[in-house]
Amino acid sequence: MKIKVALFKINANYREKSHRLHNWRAIYNWVNVSHQFTIDIMGSICQRNTTK
């Protein structure tokens, strides 16, 4: 019975850690995408200004 409880605790802890890791990955991806988006906007603005 104690082994089952220990396994359950380990499993819960692992799930929480992997969930946190997944959150970080999602945040990292979002930052990456928004950063690329900002670069694209800046690039298009610069191109528009130089073509005038």
Protein backbone atom coordinates (compact mmCIF):
# COMPACT_ATOMS: atom_id res chain seq x y z
CA MET A 1 0.00 0.00 0.00
CA LYS A 2 2.82 2.41 0.86
CA ILE A 3 4.50 1.65 -2.47
CA LYS A 4 1.32 2.60 -4.33
CA VAL A 5 1.14 5.93 -2.49
CA ALA A 6 4.80 6.62 -3.23
CA LEU A 7 4.32 5.80 -6.91
CA PHE A 8 1.25 8.03 -7.04
CA LYS A 9 3.20 10.91 -5.46
CA ILE A 10 6.09 10.46 -7.90
CA ASN A 11 3.65 10.32 -10.80
CA ALA A 12 1.86 13.49 -9.65
CA ASN A 13 5.17 15.28 -9.16
CA TYR A 14 6.37 14.21 -12.61
CA ARG A 15 3.11 15.31 -14.20
CA GLU A 16 3.37 18.73 -12.54
CA LYS A 17 6.98 19.12 -13.71
CA SER A 18 6.18 18.12 -17.28
CA HIS A 19 3.17 20.46 -17.26
CA ARG A 20 5.39 23.33 -16.12
CA LEU A 21 7.93 22.43 -18.81
CA HIS A 22 5.15 22.43 -21.39
CA ASN A 23 4.06 25.89 -20.21
CA TRP A 24 7.60 27.19 -20.55
CA ARG A 25 7.83 25.72 -24.03
CA ALA A 26 4.54 27.37 -24.99
CA ILE A 27 5.72 30.73 -23.62
CA TYR A 28 9.06 30.35 -25.41
CA ASN A 29 7.30 29.55 -28.69
CA TRP A 30 4.95 32.51 -28.25
CA VAL A 31 7.89 34.87 -27.58
CA ASN A 32 9.71 33.49 -30.62
CA VAL A 33 6.69 33.99 -32.87
CA SER A 34 5.90 37.48 -31.58
CA HIS A 35 9.58 38.43 -31.91
CA GLN A 36 9.60 37.27 -35.54
CA PHE A 37 6.33 39.14 -36.09
CA THR A 38 7.88 42.35 -34.68
CA ILE A 39 10.91 41.96 -36.94
CA ASP A 40 8.61 41.51 -39.95
CA ILE A 41 6.62 44.64 -39.06
CA MET A 42 9.79 46.67 -38.52
CA GLY A 43 11.19 45.40 -41.81
CA SER A 44 8.06 46.32 -43.75
CA ILE A 45 7.95 49.79 -42.14
CA CYS A 46 11.60 50.37 -43.00
CA GLN A 47 11.03 49.21 -46.58
CA ARG A 48 8.00 51.48 -46.89
CA ASN A 49 10.01 54.44 -45.60
CA THR A 50 12.93 53.83 -47.96
CA THR A 51 10.69 53.40 -51.04
CA LYS A 52 8.97 56.77 -50.49
